Amino acid sequence: MTTHFIDLAQRAAEDGRVSSEEVLALRRQGWGDGAIHRDEAEALFALNNALDDRSEEFADFFVEAIGEYVLNGNPPRLQCSDEEASWLIAQVDHDGVVESLVELETIVRIIERAENTPVQLKNYVLRQVEREVLSGVGPTRCGGSLSATHITSAECRILRRVIFASGGHGPAAVSRYDAEALFRLKDETLAEENAPEWDELFIDGVSNYLKGFTLQNAQVSHERKLELEAFIADNKANVGRFMARMAKQAPQVANSMGVVFGKKKSGPDYAALEAAGNEVTDNEQAWLEAMIDADGEVDELESRLIARIAAGD
């Protein structure tokens, strides 16, 4: 299947456009064995780089296929390893720029779908959006812009999806890196005609960093999930044999069964965790003051942020 798929992709790239029939043929070949392989994924990137125009059908297939390879091409499923993240960034950033919005959408969708992704992948998207906001050039810009430094609705949507994605710092958890990126964007575009969504995104993101909480084991690491899947796949693990062996042990071991298999331990105290998260620590307060004092004044967005935090929302 791989050879036919690569041939199809190369032929489609020759005239700088891909037809509906060619996308359908790529779908049939790509999913012929139920999986997308690395050489097929790289052929898709080469095709995307060669296109002058990308149809919605091609964009949908590209996002779906690359996401399938990254998240499910190698065990464990729905996890992106450091090596896979580096490969993906190298494919997208091979010439120093993101070629198209479909590539950015691919990474964002992977971060949204994944149980866990390396921090470098999320931070890469944030850096790309920040660069495009400040330069006015990039796939998030459609046609002429009122100014190079304003924030578009497309950029707000990408930022919100990445910052609050399950596969980022934590499920719906905003990191300090995220919050500082939001502050930089705010400072650079304060006098510009930003998208209406921007104000709430800034306030939601920074206040979540200061007042949110993340469970210590909210995400299973790549290595730990591999261990768990290996254990489950091991047909030597037999609960029946385990229980039989336990029954033959000394009485004190048998008595301990009530402790091991008896009443469940209570789970995390979410109310207490939420209450602790709502408390802005001295370090967080010092960080916020430093961010606000950076330009020597308290602007309108910072005033609204302070009001949100004080209100406890």
C-alpha atoms as a PDB file:
ATOM      1  CA  MET A   1       0.000   0.000   0.000  1.00  0.00           C
ATOM      2  CA  THR A   2       2.775   2.426   0.901  1.00  0.00           C
ATOM      3  CA  THR A   3       4.369   2.468  -2.596  1.00  0.00           C
ATOM      4  CA  HIS A   4       1.042   3.142  -4.329  1.00  0.00           C
ATOM      5  CA  PHE A   5       0.190   5.850  -1.800  1.00  0.00           C
ATOM      6  CA  ILE A   6       3.512   7.662  -2.299  1.00  0.00           C
ATOM      7  CA  ASP A   7       3.149   7.427  -6.098  1.00  0.00           C
ATOM      8  CA  LEU A   8      -0.338   8.937  -5.872  1.00  0.00           C
ATOM      9  CA  ALA A   9       0.885  11.772  -3.659  1.00  0.00           C
ATOM     10  CA  GLN A  10       3.806  12.546  -5.969  1.00  0.00           C
ATOM     11  CA  ARG A  11       1.597  12.592  -9.081  1.00  0.00           C
ATOM     12  CA  ALA A  12      -0.913  14.881  -7.344  1.00  0.00           C
ATOM     13  CA  ALA A  13       1.891  17.299  -6.442  1.00  0.00           C
ATOM     14  CA  GLU A  14       3.071  17.730 -10.019  1.00  0.00           C
ATOM     15  CA  ASP A  15       0.492  20.361 -11.023  1.00  0.00           C
ATOM     16  CA  GLY A  16       0.229  22.108  -7.637  1.00  0.00           C
ATOM     17  CA  ARG A  17      -3.349  21.060  -7.006  1.00  0.00           C
ATOM     18  CA  VAL A  18      -5.131  17.952  -5.778  1.00  0.00           C
ATOM     19  CA  SER A  19      -8.533  16.944  -7.138  1.00  0.00           C
ATOM     20  CA  SER A  20     -11.411  15.342  -5.261  1.00  0.00           C
ATOM     21  CA  GLU A  21     -10.711  12.101  -7.111  1.00  0.00           C
ATOM     22  CA  GLU A  22      -7.071  12.165  -6.023  1.00  0.00           C
ATOM     23  CA  VAL A  23      -8.041  12.800  -2.383  1.00  0.00           C
ATOM     24  CA  LEU A  24     -10.426   9.840  -2.551  1.00  0.00           C
ATOM     25  CA  ALA A  25      -7.685   7.647  -4.030  1.00  0.00           C
ATOM     26  CA  LEU A  26      -5.287   8.725  -1.273  1.00  0.00           C
ATOM     27  CA  ARG A  27      -7.907   7.893   1.345  1.00  0.00           C
ATOM     28  CA  ARG A  28      -8.447   4.416  -0.095  1.00  0.00           C
ATOM     29  CA  GLN A  29      -4.742   3.686  -0.310  1.00  0.00           C
ATOM     30  CA  GLY A  30      -3.874   5.280   3.024  1.00  0.00           C
ATOM     31  CA  TRP A  31      -6.505   3.425   5.009  1.00  0.00           C
ATOM     32  CA  GLY A  32      -6.128   0.211   2.978  1.00  0.00           C
ATOM     33  CA  ASP A  33      -4.253  -1.510   5.797  1.00  0.00           C
ATOM     34  CA  GLY A  34      -5.963   0.462   8.561  1.00  0.00           C
ATOM     35  CA  ALA A  35      -2.949   2.635   9.433  1.00  0.00           C
ATOM     36  CA  ILE A  36      -0.898   5.599   8.225  1.00  0.00           C
ATOM     37  CA  HIS A  37       2.843   4.940   8.169  1.00  0.00           C
ATOM     38  CA  ARG A  38       5.694   7.428   8.492  1.00  0.00           C
ATOM     39  CA  ASP A  39       6.712   7.411   4.806  1.00  0.00           C
ATOM     40  CA  GLU A  40       3.065   7.990   3.887  1.00  0.00           C
ATOM     41  CA  ALA A  41       2.812  10.864   6.364  1.00  0.00           C
ATOM     42  CA  GLU A  42       5.993  12.407   4.927  1.00  0.00           C
ATOM     43  CA  ALA A  43       4.602  12.045   1.398  1.00  0.00           C
ATOM     44  CA  LEU A  44       1.504  13.938   2.531  1.00  0.00           C
ATOM     45  CA  PHE A  45       3.649  16.754   3.917  1.00  0.00           C
ATOM     46  CA  ALA A  46       5.559  16.934   0.620  1.00  0.00           C
ATOM     47  CA  LEU A  47       2.251  17.100  -1.254  1.00  0.00           C
ATOM     48  CA  ASN A  48       0.909  19.812   1.016  1.00  0.00           C
ATOM     49  CA  ASN A  49       4.078  21.885   0.501  1.00  0.00           C
ATOM     50  CA  ALA A  50       3.675  21.628  -3.272  1.00  0.00           C
ATOM     51  CA  LEU A  51       0.046  22.785  -3.393  1.00  0.00           C
ATOM     52  CA  ASP A  52      -0.959  26.264  -4.505  1.00  0.00           C
ATOM     53  CA  ASP A  53      -4.498  25.710  -3.254  1.00  0.00           C
ATOM     54  CA  ARG A  54      -5.811  23.308  -0.618  1.00  0.00           C
ATOM     55  CA  SER A  55      -9.371  22.062  -0.913  1.00  0.00           C
ATOM     56  CA  GLU A  56     -11.485  21.384   2.155  1.00  0.00           C
ATOM     57  CA  GLU A  57     -11.470  17.683   1.261  1.00  0.00           C
ATOM     58  CA  PHE A  58      -7.678  17.566   1.192  1.00  0.00           C
ATOM     59  CA  ALA A  59      -7.377  19.604   4.398  1.00  0.00           C
ATOM     60  CA  ASP A  60      -9.720  17.230   6.244  1.00  0.00           C
ATOM     61  CA  PHE A  61      -7.816  14.170   5.042  1.00  0.00           C
ATOM     62  CA  PHE A  62      -4.422  15.710   5.858  1.00  0.00           C
ATOM     63  CA  VAL A  63      -5.434  16.616   9.427  1.00  0.00           C
ATOM     64  CA  GLU A  64      -7.018  13.189   9.949  1.00  0.00           C
ATOM     65  CA  ALA A  65      -4.130  11.173   8.482  1.00  0.00           C
ATOM     66  CA  ILE A  66      -1.251  13.010  10.182  1.00  0.00           C
ATOM     67  CA  GLY A  67      -3.108  12.946  13.497  1.00  0.00           C
ATOM     68  CA  GLU A  68      -3.698   9.210  13.135  1.00  0.00           C
ATOM     69  CA  TYR A  69      -0.016   8.576  12.474  1.00  0.00           C
ATOM     70  CA  VAL A  70       1.243  10.713  15.368  1.00  0.00           C
ATOM     71  CA  LEU A  71      -1.267   9.516  17.969  1.00  0.00           C
ATOM     72  CA  ASN A  72      -1.838   5.909  16.930  1.00  0.00           C
ATOM     73  CA  GLY A  73       1.060   4.970  14.650  1.00  0.00           C
ATOM     74  CA  ASN A  74       3.084   3.659  17.589  1.00  0.00           C
ATOM     75  CA  PRO A  75       2.020   2.480  21.041  1.00  0.00           C
ATOM     76  CA  PRO A  76       0.652   3.715  23.299  1.00  0.00           C
ATOM     77  CA  ARG A  77      -2.431   5.061  21.571  1.00  0.00           C
ATOM     78  CA  LEU A  78      -3.478   8.708  21.937  1.00  0.00           C
ATOM     79  CA  GLN A  79      -0.011   9.699  23.134  1.00  0.00           C
ATOM     80  CA  CYS A  80       2.602  11.786  21.349  1.00  0.00           C
ATOM     81  CA  SER A  81       6.199  11.012  22.288  1.00  0.00           C
ATOM     82  CA  ASP A  82       9.097  13.468  22.319  1.00  0.00           C
ATOM     83  CA  GLU A  83      10.451  11.844  19.158  1.00  0.00           C
ATOM     84  CA  GLU A  84       7.093  12.099  17.359  1.00  0.00           C
ATOM     85  CA  ALA A  85       6.706  15.741  18.420  1.00  0.00           C
ATOM     86  CA  SER A  86      10.204  16.560  17.108  1.00  0.00           C
ATOM     87  CA  TRP A  87       9.416  14.806  13.820  1.00  0.00           C
ATOM     88  CA  LEU A  88       6.134  16.701  13.455  1.00  0.00           C
ATOM     89  CA  ILE A  89       7.730  20.091  14.159  1.00  0.00           C
ATOM     90  CA  ALA A  90      10.547  19.315  11.678  1.00  0.00           C
ATOM     91  CA  GLN A  91       7.998  18.468   8.971  1.00  0.00           C
ATOM     92  CA  VAL A  92       6.017  21.659   9.555  1.00  0.00           C
ATOM     93  CA  ASP A  93       9.012  23.933  10.123  1.00  0.00           C
ATOM     94  CA  HIS A  94      11.343  22.514   7.482  1.00  0.00           C
ATOM     95  CA  ASP A  95      11.903  25.897   5.813  1.00  0.00           C
ATOM     96  CA  GLY A  96      11.477  28.092   8.875  1.00  0.00           C
ATOM     97  CA  VAL A  97       7.811  28.918   8.294  1.00  0.00           C
ATOM     98  CA  VAL A  98       4.435  27.232   8.685  1.00  0.00           C
ATOM     99  CA  GLU A  99       3.294  26.748   5.093  1.00  0.00           C
ATOM    100  CA  SER A 100      -0.442  26.618   5.651  1.00  0.00           C
ATOM    101  CA  LEU A 101      -3.236  26.838   8.167  1.00  0.00           C
ATOM    102  CA  VAL A 102      -3.887  23.111   7.650  1.00  0.00           C
ATOM    103  CA  GLU A 103      -0.504  22.327   9.255  1.00  0.00           C
ATOM    104  CA  LEU A 104      -1.269  24.508  12.259  1.00  0.00           C
ATOM    105  CA  GLU A 105      -4.724  22.941  12.527  1.00  0.00           C
ATOM    106  CA  THR A 106      -3.135  19.486  12.439  1.00  0.00           C
ATOM    107  CA  ILE A 107      -0.955  20.204  15.467  1.00  0.00           C
ATOM    108  CA  VAL A 108      -3.814  21.865  17.367  1.00  0.00           C
ATOM    109  CA  ARG A 109      -6.104  18.882  16.706  1.00  0.00           C
ATOM    110  CA  ILE A 110      -3.408  16.480  17.918  1.00  0.00           C
ATOM    111  CA  ILE A 111      -3.007  18.447  21.158  1.00  0.00           C
ATOM    112  CA  GLU A 112      -6.790  18.432  21.613  1.00  0.00           C
ATOM    113  CA  ARG A 113      -7.171  14.699  20.985  1.00  0.00           C
ATOM    114  CA  ALA A 114      -4.121  13.482  22.870  1.00  0.00           C
ATOM    115  CA  GLU A 115      -4.117  12.236  26.428  1.00  0.00           C
ATOM    116  CA  ASN A 116      -0.673  13.764  26.723  1.00  0.00           C
ATOM    117  CA  THR A 117       1.745  15.641  24.459  1.00  0.00           C
ATOM    118  CA  PRO A 118       5.256  17.024  25.032  1.00  0.00           C
ATOM    119  CA  VAL A 119       5.367  20.634  26.169  1.00  0.00           C
ATOM    120  CA  GLN A 120       7.481  21.515  23.126  1.00  0.00           C
ATOM    121  CA  LEU A 121       4.547  20.863  20.784  1.00  0.00           C
ATOM    122  CA  LYS A 122       2.135  23.166  22.591  1.00  0.00           C
ATOM    123  CA  ASN A 123       4.784  25.862  22.987  1.00  0.00           C
ATOM    124  CA  TYR A 124       5.637  25.622  19.280  1.00  0.00           C
ATOM    125  CA  VAL A 125       2.063  26.572  18.345  1.00  0.00           C
ATOM    126  CA  LEU A 126       2.046  29.473  20.795  1.00  0.00           C
ATOM    127  CA  ARG A 127       5.320  30.772  19.352  1.00  0.00           C
ATOM    128  CA  GLN A 128       3.958  30.552  15.809  1.00  0.00           C
ATOM    129  CA  VAL A 129       0.809  32.470  16.670  1.00  0.00           C
ATOM    130  CA  GLU A 130       2.808  35.093  18.568  1.00  0.00           C
ATOM    131  CA  ARG A 131       5.160  35.546  15.617  1.00  0.00           C
ATOM    132  CA  GLU A 132       2.257  35.924  13.207  1.00  0.00           C
ATOM    133  CA  VAL A 133       0.519  38.462  15.435  1.00  0.00           C
ATOM    134  CA  LEU A 134       3.661  40.582  15.639  1.00  0.00           C
ATOM    135  CA  SER A 135       4.675  40.230  11.981  1.00  0.00           C
ATOM    136  CA  GLY A 136       1.239  40.206  10.362  1.00  0.00           C
ATOM    137  CA  VAL A 137       2.390  37.340   8.133  1.00  0.00           C
ATOM    138  CA  GLY A 138       1.392  33.686   8.341  1.00  0.00           C
ATOM    139  CA  PRO A 139      -1.400  31.189   7.740  1.00  0.00           C
ATOM    140  CA  THR A 140      -3.707  32.783  10.346  1.00  0.00           C
ATOM    141  CA  ARG A 141      -3.819  35.946   8.207  1.00  0.00           C
ATOM    142  CA  CYS A 142      -6.377  36.043   5.402  1.00  0.00           C
ATOM    143  CA  GLY A 143      -5.852  38.901   2.980  1.00  0.00           C
ATOM    144  CA  GLY A 144      -4.931  42.387   4.095  1.00  0.00           C
ATOM    145  CA  SER A 145      -4.734  43.258   7.771  1.00  0.00           C
ATOM    146  CA  LEU A 146      -5.547  46.538   9.494  1.00  0.00           C
ATOM    147  CA  SER A 147      -2.154  46.339  11.179  1.00  0.00           C
ATOM    148  CA  ALA A 148       0.646  43.855  11.606  1.00  0.00           C
ATOM    149  CA  THR A 149       0.165  43.584  15.334  1.00  0.00           C
ATOM    150  CA  HIS A 150      -3.555  43.033  15.873  1.00  0.00           C
ATOM    151  CA  ILE A 151      -4.956  39.684  17.052  1.00  0.00           C
ATOM    152  CA  THR A 152      -7.439  38.011  14.704  1.00  0.00           C
ATOM    153  CA  SER A 153     -10.407  35.796  15.560  1.00  0.00           C
ATOM    154  CA  ALA A 154      -8.575  32.835  13.993  1.00  0.00           C
ATOM    155  CA  GLU A 155      -5.626  33.410  16.314  1.00  0.00           C
ATOM    156  CA  CYS A 156      -7.904  33.706  19.354  1.00  0.00           C
ATOM    157  CA  ARG A 157      -9.544  30.381  18.496  1.00  0.00           C
ATOM    158  CA  ILE A 158      -6.191  28.634  18.107  1.00  0.00           C
ATOM    159  CA  LEU A 159      -4.818  30.110  21.332  1.00  0.00           C
ATOM    160  CA  ARG A 160      -7.872  29.107  23.354  1.00  0.00           C
ATOM    161  CA  ARG A 161      -7.922  25.581  21.946  1.00  0.00           C
ATOM    162  CA  VAL A 162      -4.219  25.012  22.631  1.00  0.00           C
ATOM    163  CA  ILE A 163      -4.064  26.641  26.062  1.00  0.00           C
ATOM    164  CA  PHE A 164      -7.053  24.723  27.403  1.00  0.00           C
ATOM    165  CA  ALA A 165      -6.444  21.439  25.526  1.00  0.00           C
ATOM    166  CA  SER A 166      -6.399  18.106  27.367  1.00  0.00           C
ATOM    167  CA  GLY A 167      -3.042  17.137  25.901  1.00  0.00           C
ATOM    168  CA  GLY A 168      -1.178  20.251  26.988  1.00  0.00           C
ATOM    169  CA  HIS A 169       0.114  21.221  30.431  1.00  0.00           C
ATOM    170  CA  GLY A 170      -2.889  19.430  31.937  1.00  0.00           C
ATOM    171  CA  PRO A 171      -6.584  19.057  31.135  1.00  0.00           C
ATOM    172  CA  ALA A 172      -7.832  22.664  30.843  1.00  0.00           C
ATOM    173  CA  ALA A 173      -4.835  23.830  32.896  1.00  0.00           C
ATOM    174  CA  VAL A 174      -2.954  26.980  31.910  1.00  0.00           C
ATOM    175  CA  SER A 175       0.806  27.046  32.476  1.00  0.00           C
ATOM    176  CA  ARG A 176       3.015  29.979  33.389  1.00  0.00           C
ATOM    177  CA  TYR A 177       4.471  29.854  29.864  1.00  0.00           C
ATOM    178  CA  ASP A 178       0.938  30.251  28.455  1.00  0.00           C
ATOM    179  CA  ALA A 179       0.124  33.132  30.786  1.00  0.00           C
ATOM    180  CA  GLU A 180       3.325  34.984  29.943  1.00  0.00           C
ATOM    181  CA  ALA A 181       2.661  34.543  26.223  1.00  0.00           C
ATOM    182  CA  LEU A 182      -0.798  36.087  26.742  1.00  0.00           C
ATOM    183  CA  PHE A 183       0.769  39.036  28.582  1.00  0.00           C
ATOM    184  CA  ARG A 184       3.277  39.606  25.771  1.00  0.00           C
ATOM    185  CA  LEU A 185       0.527  39.570  23.162  1.00  0.00           C
ATOM    186  CA  LYS A 186      -1.556  41.954  25.266  1.00  0.00           C
ATOM    187  CA  ASP A 187       1.307  44.428  25.688  1.00  0.00           C
ATOM    188  CA  GLU A 188       2.141  44.401  21.970  1.00  0.00           C
ATOM    189  CA  THR A 189      -1.448  44.877  20.775  1.00  0.00           C
ATOM    190  CA  LEU A 190      -3.004  47.035  23.493  1.00  0.00           C
ATOM    191  CA  ALA A 191      -3.736  49.956  21.146  1.00  0.00           C
ATOM    192  CA  GLU A 192      -4.766  47.784  18.190  1.00  0.00           C
ATOM    193  CA  GLU A 193      -8.170  46.661  16.912  1.00  0.00           C
ATOM    194  CA  ASN A 194      -8.074  43.123  18.234  1.00  0.00           C
ATOM    195  CA  ALA A 195     -10.801  40.531  17.711  1.00  0.00           C
ATOM    196  CA  PRO A 196     -13.712  40.767  20.197  1.00  0.00           C
ATOM    197  CA  GLU A 197     -12.764  37.378  21.653  1.00  0.00           C
ATOM    198  CA  TRP A 198      -9.326  38.528  22.749  1.00  0.00           C
ATOM    199  CA  ASP A 199     -10.236  40.315  26.000  1.00  0.00           C
ATOM    200  CA  GLU A 200     -11.997  37.311  27.545  1.00  0.00           C
ATOM    201  CA  LEU A 201      -9.287  34.950  26.323  1.00  0.00           C
ATOM    202  CA  PHE A 202      -6.601  36.991  28.083  1.00  0.00           C
ATOM    203  CA  ILE A 203      -8.582  37.238  31.333  1.00  0.00           C
ATOM    204  CA  ASP A 204      -9.692  33.592  31.279  1.00  0.00           C
ATOM    205  CA  GLY A 205      -6.187  32.333  30.568  1.00  0.00           C
ATOM    206  CA  VAL A 206      -4.250  34.334  33.151  1.00  0.00           C
ATOM    207  CA  SER A 207      -6.847  33.907  35.900  1.00  0.00           C
ATOM    208  CA  ASN A 208      -6.901  30.152  35.249  1.00  0.00           C
ATOM    209  CA  TYR A 209      -3.125  30.030  35.698  1.00  0.00           C
ATOM    210  CA  LEU A 210      -3.367  31.926  38.989  1.00  0.00           C
ATOM    211  CA  LYS A 211      -6.480  30.274  40.423  1.00  0.00           C
ATOM    212  CA  GLY A 212      -6.787  26.901  38.768  1.00  0.00           C
ATOM    213  CA  PHE A 213      -5.507  23.566  40.048  1.00  0.00           C
ATOM    214  CA  THR A 214      -4.124  20.425  38.435  1.00  0.00           C
ATOM    215  CA  LEU A 215      -4.182  16.952  39.939  1.00  0.00           C
ATOM    216  CA  GLN A 216      -0.704  15.500  40.352  1.00  0.00           C
ATOM    217  CA  ASN A 217      -1.617  12.437  38.278  1.00  0.00           C
ATOM    218  CA  ALA A 218      -3.984  14.187  35.881  1.00  0.00           C
ATOM    219  CA  GLN A 219      -2.007  12.821  32.935  1.00  0.00           C
ATOM    220  CA  VAL A 220      -0.364   9.458  32.469  1.00  0.00           C
ATOM    221  CA  SER A 221       3.147   9.824  31.096  1.00  0.00           C
ATOM    222  CA  HIS A 222       4.166   8.201  27.805  1.00  0.00           C
ATOM    223  CA  GLU A 223       6.472   5.774  29.601  1.00  0.00           C
ATOM    224  CA  ARG A 224       3.922   4.849  32.280  1.00  0.00           C
ATOM    225  CA  LYS A 225       1.203   4.136  29.732  1.00  0.00           C
ATOM    226  CA  LEU A 226       3.570   1.854  27.829  1.00  0.00           C
ATOM    227  CA  GLU A 227       4.186  -0.053  31.069  1.00  0.00           C
ATOM    228  CA  LEU A 228       0.455  -0.353  31.771  1.00  0.00           C
ATOM    229  CA  GLU A 229      -0.340  -1.559  28.267  1.00  0.00           C
ATOM    230  CA  ALA A 230       2.461  -4.121  28.440  1.00  0.00           C
ATOM    231  CA  PHE A 231       1.082  -5.424  31.725  1.00  0.00           C
ATOM    232  CA  ILE A 232      -2.440  -5.740  30.333  1.00  0.00           C
ATOM    233  CA  ALA A 233      -1.152  -7.487  27.206  1.00  0.00           C
ATOM    234  CA  ASP A 234       0.845  -9.993  29.253  1.00  0.00           C
ATOM    235  CA  ASN A 235      -1.270 -13.150  29.219  1.00  0.00           C
ATOM    236  CA  LYS A 236       0.759 -14.462  32.154  1.00  0.00           C
ATOM    237  CA  ALA A 237      -0.998 -11.999  34.453  1.00  0.00           C
ATOM    238  CA  ASN A 238      -3.797 -14.134  35.815  1.00  0.00           C
ATOM    239  CA  VAL A 239      -5.892 -12.883  38.694  1.00  0.00           C
ATOM    240  CA  GLY A 240      -7.205 -16.359  39.485  1.00  0.00           C
ATOM    241  CA  ARG A 241      -3.731 -17.781  39.956  1.00  0.00           C
ATOM    242  CA  PHE A 242      -2.778 -14.757  42.014  1.00  0.00           C
ATOM    243  CA  MET A 243      -5.721 -15.258  44.390  1.00  0.00           C
ATOM    244  CA  ALA A 244      -4.987 -18.986  44.706  1.00  0.00           C
ATOM    245  CA  ARG A 245      -1.393 -18.253  45.674  1.00  0.00           C
ATOM    246  CA  MET A 246      -2.542 -15.693  48.208  1.00  0.00           C
ATOM    247  CA  ALA A 247      -4.903 -18.209  49.838  1.00  0.00           C
ATOM    248  CA  LYS A 248      -1.983 -20.606  50.438  1.00  0.00           C
ATOM    249  CA  GLN A 249       0.074 -18.011  52.247  1.00  0.00           C
ATOM    250  CA  ALA A 250       0.317 -17.465  56.002  1.00  0.00           C
ATOM    251  CA  PRO A 251      -2.873 -16.444  57.898  1.00  0.00           C
ATOM    252  CA  GLN A 252      -1.553 -12.957  58.499  1.00  0.00           C
ATOM    253  CA  VAL A 253      -1.294 -12.492  54.751  1.00  0.00           C
ATOM    254  CA  ALA A 254      -4.858 -13.722  54.354  1.00  0.00           C
ATOM    255  CA  ASN A 255      -5.979 -11.324  57.070  1.00  0.00           C
ATOM    256  CA  SER A 256      -4.379  -8.486  55.173  1.00  0.00           C
ATOM    257  CA  MET A 257      -6.668  -9.238  52.230  1.00  0.00           C
ATOM    258  CA  GLY A 258      -9.381  -7.286  53.974  1.00  0.00           C
ATOM    259  CA  VAL A 259      -7.122  -4.263  53.996  1.00  0.00           C
ATOM    260  CA  VAL A 260      -6.062  -4.651  50.380  1.00  0.00           C
ATOM    261  CA  PHE A 261      -9.430  -5.624  48.922  1.00  0.00           C
ATOM    262  CA  GLY A 262     -11.751  -4.114  51.502  1.00  0.00           C
ATOM    263  CA  LYS A 263     -13.087  -0.584  51.709  1.00  0.00           C
ATOM    264  CA  LYS A 264     -11.826   1.740  49.006  1.00  0.00           C
ATOM    265  CA  LYS A 265      -9.698   4.632  50.020  1.00  0.00           C
ATOM    266  CA  SER A 266     -11.400   7.928  49.485  1.00  0.00           C
ATOM    267  CA  GLY A 267     -10.351   9.840  46.354  1.00  0.00           C
ATOM    268  CA  PRO A 268      -8.947  13.340  46.142  1.00  0.00           C
ATOM    269  CA  ASP A 269     -10.766  16.045  48.048  1.00  0.00           C
ATOM    270  CA  TYR A 270     -11.700  18.147  45.030  1.00  0.00           C
ATOM    271  CA  ALA A 271     -13.334  20.850  47.133  1.00  0.00           C
ATOM    272  CA  ALA A 272     -10.135  21.296  49.126  1.00  0.00           C
ATOM    273  CA  LEU A 273      -8.036  21.300  45.964  1.00  0.00           C
ATOM    274  CA  GLU A 274     -10.280  23.904  44.376  1.00  0.00           C
ATOM    275  CA  ALA A 275     -10.150  26.059  47.503  1.00  0.00           C
ATOM    276  CA  ALA A 276      -6.348  25.828  47.570  1.00  0.00           C
ATOM    277  CA  GLY A 277      -6.181  26.668  43.869  1.00  0.00           C
ATOM    278  CA  ASN A 278      -8.323  29.747  44.391  1.00  0.00           C
ATOM    279  CA  GLU A 279      -5.757  31.131  46.813  1.00  0.00           C
ATOM    280  CA  VAL A 280      -3.217  33.283  44.985  1.00  0.00           C
ATOM    281  CA  THR A 281       0.139  32.472  46.584  1.00  0.00           C
ATOM    282  CA  ASP A 282       2.826  35.008  47.425  1.00  0.00           C
ATOM    283  CA  ASN A 283       4.904  33.802  44.466  1.00  0.00           C
ATOM    284  CA  GLU A 284       1.942  34.101  42.105  1.00  0.00           C
ATOM    285  CA  GLN A 285       1.159  37.570  43.420  1.00  0.00           C
ATOM    286  CA  ALA A 286       4.780  38.648  42.926  1.00  0.00           C
ATOM    287  CA  TRP A 287       4.688  37.250  39.372  1.00  0.00           C
ATOM    288  CA  LEU A 288       1.457  39.111  38.578  1.00  0.00           C
ATOM    289  CA  GLU A 289       2.798  42.370  39.960  1.00  0.00           C
ATOM    290  CA  ALA A 290       5.959  42.000  37.873  1.00  0.00           C
ATOM    291  CA  MET A 291       3.925  41.356  34.714  1.00  0.00           C
ATOM    292  CA  ILE A 292       1.675  44.364  35.359  1.00  0.00           C
ATOM    293  CA  ASP A 293       4.577  46.669  36.294  1.00  0.00           C
ATOM    294  CA  ALA A 294       6.563  45.717  33.177  1.00  0.00           C
ATOM    295  CA  ASP A 295       5.196  48.653  31.161  1.00  0.00           C
ATOM    296  CA  GLY A 296       4.819  51.045  34.081  1.00  0.00           C
ATOM    297  CA  GLU A 297       1.021  51.312  34.048  1.00  0.00           C
ATOM    298  CA  VAL A 298      -2.152  49.362  34.777  1.00  0.00           C
ATOM    299  CA  ASP A 299      -4.158  49.111  31.565  1.00  0.00           C
ATOM    300  CA  GLU A 300      -7.848  48.301  31.153  1.00  0.00           C
ATOM    301  CA  LEU A 301      -7.351  44.574  30.592  1.00  0.00           C
ATOM    302  CA  GLU A 302      -5.125  44.290  33.649  1.00  0.00           C
ATOM    303  CA  SER A 303      -7.743  46.136  35.725  1.00  0.00           C
ATOM    304  CA  ARG A 304     -10.411  43.680  34.572  1.00  0.00           C
ATOM    305  CA  LEU A 305      -8.085  40.770  35.334  1.00  0.00           C
ATOM    306  CA  ILE A 306      -7.487  42.061  38.881  1.00  0.00           C
ATOM    307  CA  ALA A 307     -11.242  42.474  39.349  1.00  0.00           C
ATOM    308  CA  ARG A 308     -11.860  38.883  38.168  1.00  0.00           C
ATOM    309  CA  ILE A 309      -9.280  37.507  40.581  1.00  0.00           C
ATOM    310  CA  ALA A 310     -10.588  39.611  43.487  1.00  0.00           C
ATOM    311  CA  ALA A 311     -14.143  38.452  42.799  1.00  0.00           C
ATOM    312  CA  GLY A 312     -13.061  34.816  43.044  1.00  0.00           C
ATOM    313  CA  ASP A 313     -14.595  33.814  39.678  1.00  0.00           C
END
